[in-house]
Amino acid sequence: MAIKFQYNKTSLGELGKQLKMRQKALPTIKSKESALRSEVKKARDSASDCRRRLELLESEYDYMVSLWGEFDPALVRVGDVELSVRKIAGVRTPVLEGIRFDEKPYDLFSSPAWYADGIDILKRLARLGIEYEVYNRKTELLDYARRKTTQKVNLYEKVQIPGYEDAIRKIKRFMEDEENLSKSAQKIVKTKQQQAGEGMTL
């Protein structure tokens, strides 16, 4: 990114302000990046843990697979998923508050005895599946914010701050050269005037 500037004091002052602003903001952005990195890891670990528990639960009840054919799937379903929003390092992330299940009553005498267990298994599977999705979404949102923040850190550190420093150096050098030229020109004029004055006295 080329920084536009002019060789004058106004431009020098403006560039100085921009540089200070970025140098001051950089530590804050870096700490935000670090916090996001840590939160991404936590969310990813939680999602992995949910996935592992979900797989364990599925394998734990594989022996009932032949019985599921006679189970009435209308007996239980997810009625509502309550989510809230929590800000983490300025990023709005979902938090699972609760799950409401709608259960249809069934006849305890004419239905198989394992129906109660079946309903419980389905609820636990649904709960873990929803938890997993929430953690996955949280990970995506936090990771996206972390990537954006990393880009900003790199932009400030590797492009803008060095760019502003370089532009300021160039302006200062130009102004020093101009000042030196001006002093040299004044000396030449003074010397010529003195020589001209001496020539007149002769």
Protein backbone atom coordinates (compact mmCIF):
# COMPACT_ATOMS: atom_id res chain seq x y z
CA MET A 1 0.00 0.00 0.00
CA ALA A 2 1.58 3.25 -1.14
CA ILE A 3 1.19 6.07 1.36
CA LYS A 4 0.33 9.37 -0.27
CA PHE A 5 2.13 12.42 1.10
CA GLN A 6 3.52 15.82 0.19
CA TYR A 7 6.89 17.23 1.06
CA ASN A 8 5.72 19.77 3.65
CA LYS A 9 5.19 20.22 7.41
CA THR A 10 1.42 19.70 7.22
CA SER A 11 1.87 16.31 5.58
CA LEU A 12 4.62 15.46 8.07
CA GLY A 13 2.30 16.27 11.00
CA GLU A 14 -0.57 14.25 9.53
CA LEU A 15 1.66 11.21 8.89
CA GLY A 16 3.04 11.49 12.43
CA LYS A 17 -0.52 11.38 13.83
CA GLN A 18 -1.43 8.34 11.68
CA LEU A 19 1.76 6.54 12.75
CA LYS A 20 1.17 7.22 16.47
CA MET A 21 -2.44 6.04 16.19
CA ARG A 22 -1.35 2.73 14.64
CA GLN A 23 1.52 2.21 17.07
CA LYS A 24 -0.87 2.83 19.97
CA ALA A 25 -3.57 0.48 18.56
CA LEU A 26 -1.20 -2.38 17.68
CA PRO A 27 -0.79 -3.86 21.23
CA THR A 28 -4.59 -3.82 21.72
CA ILE A 29 -5.18 -5.59 18.40
CA LYS A 30 -2.46 -8.13 19.23
CA SER A 31 -4.04 -8.93 22.61
CA LYS A 32 -7.45 -9.29 20.90
CA GLU A 33 -5.87 -11.71 18.41
CA SER A 34 -4.33 -13.71 21.25
CA ALA A 35 -7.67 -13.83 23.15
CA LEU A 36 -9.50 -14.95 20.00
CA ARG A 37 -6.90 -17.64 19.30
CA SER A 38 -7.41 -19.01 22.82
CA GLU A 39 -11.24 -18.88 22.51
CA VAL A 40 -11.13 -20.63 19.11
CA LYS A 41 -9.12 -23.45 20.69
CA LYS A 42 -11.61 -23.73 23.59
CA ALA A 43 -14.63 -23.81 21.26
CA ARG A 44 -12.93 -26.35 18.97
CA ASP A 45 -12.05 -28.56 21.96
CA SER A 46 -15.65 -28.36 23.22
CA ALA A 47 -16.98 -29.30 19.76
CA SER A 48 -14.56 -32.27 19.62
CA ASP A 49 -15.63 -33.35 23.10
CA CYS A 50 -19.33 -33.23 22.06
CA ARG A 51 -18.56 -35.20 18.92
CA ARG A 52 -16.67 -37.85 20.92
CA ARG A 53 -19.52 -38.15 23.49
CA LEU A 54 -22.07 -38.34 20.66
CA GLU A 55 -20.15 -41.20 19.00
CA LEU A 56 -19.82 -43.01 22.35
CA LEU A 57 -23.55 -42.67 22.97
CA GLU A 58 -24.35 -43.93 19.48
CA SER A 59 -22.09 -46.97 19.85
CA GLU A 60 -23.41 -47.61 23.37
CA TYR A 61 -26.93 -48.11 22.00
CA ASP A 62 -26.10 -49.86 18.73
CA TYR A 63 -27.40 -53.09 20.26
CA MET A 64 -30.91 -51.58 20.20
CA VAL A 65 -30.79 -50.96 16.45
CA SER A 66 -33.14 -53.84 15.67
CA LEU A 67 -35.72 -52.46 18.12
CA TRP A 68 -35.82 -48.94 16.60
CA GLY A 69 -37.96 -50.27 13.74
CA GLU A 70 -40.92 -50.64 16.09
CA PHE A 71 -40.34 -47.27 17.82
CA ASP A 72 -42.78 -44.46 17.02
CA PRO A 73 -40.57 -41.42 16.09
CA ALA A 74 -43.52 -39.05 16.67
CA LEU A 75 -43.27 -39.72 20.44
CA VAL A 76 -40.49 -37.16 20.94
CA ARG A 77 -39.19 -34.23 18.96
CA VAL A 78 -37.23 -31.05 19.59
CA GLY A 79 -39.79 -28.34 20.33
CA ASP A 80 -37.48 -25.38 20.81
CA VAL A 81 -33.81 -24.52 21.13
CA GLU A 82 -33.09 -21.54 23.37
CA LEU A 83 -29.98 -19.61 22.40
CA SER A 84 -28.50 -16.45 23.83
CA VAL A 85 -25.63 -14.30 22.60
CA ARG A 86 -22.36 -13.79 24.43
CA LYS A 87 -19.69 -11.37 23.27
CA ILE A 88 -16.17 -12.75 23.29
CA ALA A 89 -13.48 -10.19 22.38
CA GLY A 90 -16.12 -8.17 20.57
CA VAL A 91 -17.53 -11.15 18.65
CA ARG A 92 -21.18 -12.16 19.12
CA THR A 93 -21.28 -15.93 19.70
CA PRO A 94 -24.19 -18.30 20.39
CA VAL A 95 -24.69 -19.91 23.80
CA LEU A 96 -27.03 -22.85 24.26
CA GLU A 97 -29.41 -22.00 27.10
CA GLY A 98 -31.76 -24.96 26.84
CA ILE A 99 -33.67 -27.41 24.69
CA ARG A 100 -37.39 -28.05 25.01
CA PHE A 101 -38.68 -31.43 23.89
CA ASP A 102 -42.26 -32.12 22.86
CA GLU A 103 -43.34 -35.58 24.02
CA LYS A 104 -46.51 -37.36 23.04
CA PRO A 105 -48.07 -39.55 25.74
CA TYR A 106 -48.07 -43.27 25.07
CA ASP A 107 -49.74 -46.23 26.69
CA LEU A 108 -47.30 -47.73 29.20
CA PHE A 109 -49.10 -51.09 29.18
CA SER A 110 -49.40 -51.76 25.45
CA SER A 111 -46.04 -50.16 24.43
CA PRO A 112 -42.72 -52.02 24.73
CA ALA A 113 -40.93 -51.54 28.06
CA TRP A 114 -37.84 -50.04 26.42
CA TYR A 115 -39.77 -47.00 25.01
CA ALA A 116 -38.83 -44.90 28.07
CA ASP A 117 -35.15 -45.73 27.47
CA GLY A 118 -35.58 -45.01 23.76
CA ILE A 119 -37.02 -41.57 24.46
CA ASP A 120 -34.18 -40.83 26.89
CA ILE A 121 -31.56 -41.93 24.32
CA LEU A 122 -33.10 -39.75 21.60
CA LYS A 123 -33.15 -36.74 23.92
CA ARG A 124 -29.49 -37.24 24.87
CA LEU A 125 -28.50 -37.72 21.21
CA ALA A 126 -30.41 -34.58 20.19
CA ARG A 127 -28.92 -32.55 23.04
CA LEU A 128 -25.35 -33.58 22.14
CA GLY A 129 -25.97 -33.02 18.43
CA ILE A 130 -27.31 -29.50 19.05
CA GLU A 131 -24.46 -28.71 21.48
CA TYR A 132 -21.99 -29.85 18.81
CA GLU A 133 -23.60 -27.57 16.17
CA VAL A 134 -23.56 -24.58 18.55
CA TYR A 135 -19.87 -25.09 19.37
CA ASN A 136 -19.12 -25.53 15.68
CA ARG A 137 -20.85 -22.24 14.84
CA LYS A 138 -19.05 -20.52 17.71
CA THR A 139 -15.72 -21.83 16.38
CA GLU A 140 -16.49 -20.55 12.85
CA LEU A 141 -17.42 -17.06 14.09
CA LEU A 142 -14.41 -16.75 16.39
CA ASP A 143 -12.00 -18.15 13.80
CA TYR A 144 -13.27 -15.70 11.16
CA ALA A 145 -12.77 -12.79 13.59
CA ARG A 146 -9.30 -14.11 14.51
CA ARG A 147 -8.26 -14.28 10.83
CA LYS A 148 -9.50 -10.72 10.28
CA THR A 149 -7.62 -9.52 13.37
CA THR A 150 -4.43 -11.31 12.25
CA GLN A 151 -4.72 -9.58 8.87
CA LYS A 152 -5.04 -6.22 10.63
CA VAL A 153 -1.99 -6.95 12.83
CA ASN A 154 0.03 -7.88 9.73
CA LEU A 155 -1.22 -4.81 7.86
CA TYR A 156 -0.17 -2.51 10.69
CA GLU A 157 3.10 -4.29 11.52
CA LYS A 158 4.39 -5.15 8.05
CA VAL A 159 2.84 -2.50 5.78
CA GLN A 160 1.41 0.63 7.34
CA ILE A 161 3.77 1.38 10.25
CA PRO A 162 6.94 0.83 8.14
CA GLY A 163 5.27 2.79 5.29
CA TYR A 164 4.50 5.79 7.49
CA GLU A 165 8.00 5.67 9.06
CA ASP A 166 9.55 5.62 5.58
CA ALA A 167 7.36 8.51 4.35
CA ILE A 168 8.23 10.58 7.45
CA ARG A 169 11.95 9.87 6.90
CA LYS A 170 11.68 10.99 3.26
CA ILE A 171 9.88 14.23 4.16
CA LYS A 172 12.39 15.03 6.94
CA ARG A 173 15.31 14.34 4.60
CA PHE A 174 13.73 16.50 1.88
CA MET A 175 13.12 19.35 4.34
CA GLU A 176 16.69 19.10 5.70
CA ASP A 177 18.08 19.16 2.14
CA GLU A 178 15.89 22.16 1.35
CA GLU A 179 17.09 23.93 4.51
CA ASN A 180 20.73 23.17 3.68
CA LEU A 181 20.25 24.44 0.12
CA SER A 182 18.60 27.58 1.45
CA LYS A 183 21.49 28.18 3.90
CA SER A 184 24.05 27.53 1.16
CA ALA A 185 22.25 29.96 -1.17
CA GLN A 186 22.17 32.60 1.59
CA LYS A 187 25.92 32.13 2.20
CA ILE A 188 26.63 32.50 -1.54
CA VAL A 189 24.52 35.67 -1.74
CA LYS A 190 26.19 37.07 1.39
CA THR A 191 29.66 36.26 0.06
CA LYS A 192 28.82 37.89 -3.30
CA GLN A 193 27.45 40.96 -1.51
CA GLN A 194 30.58 41.19 0.62
CA GLN A 195 32.78 40.80 -2.47
CA ALA A 196 30.72 43.42 -4.29
CA GLY A 197 31.01 45.75 -1.27
CA GLU A 198 34.78 45.26 -1.13
CA GLY A 199 35.05 45.93 -4.89
CA MET A 200 33.23 49.26 -4.45
CA THR A 201 35.56 50.45 -1.68
CA LEU A 202 38.63 49.87 -3.86
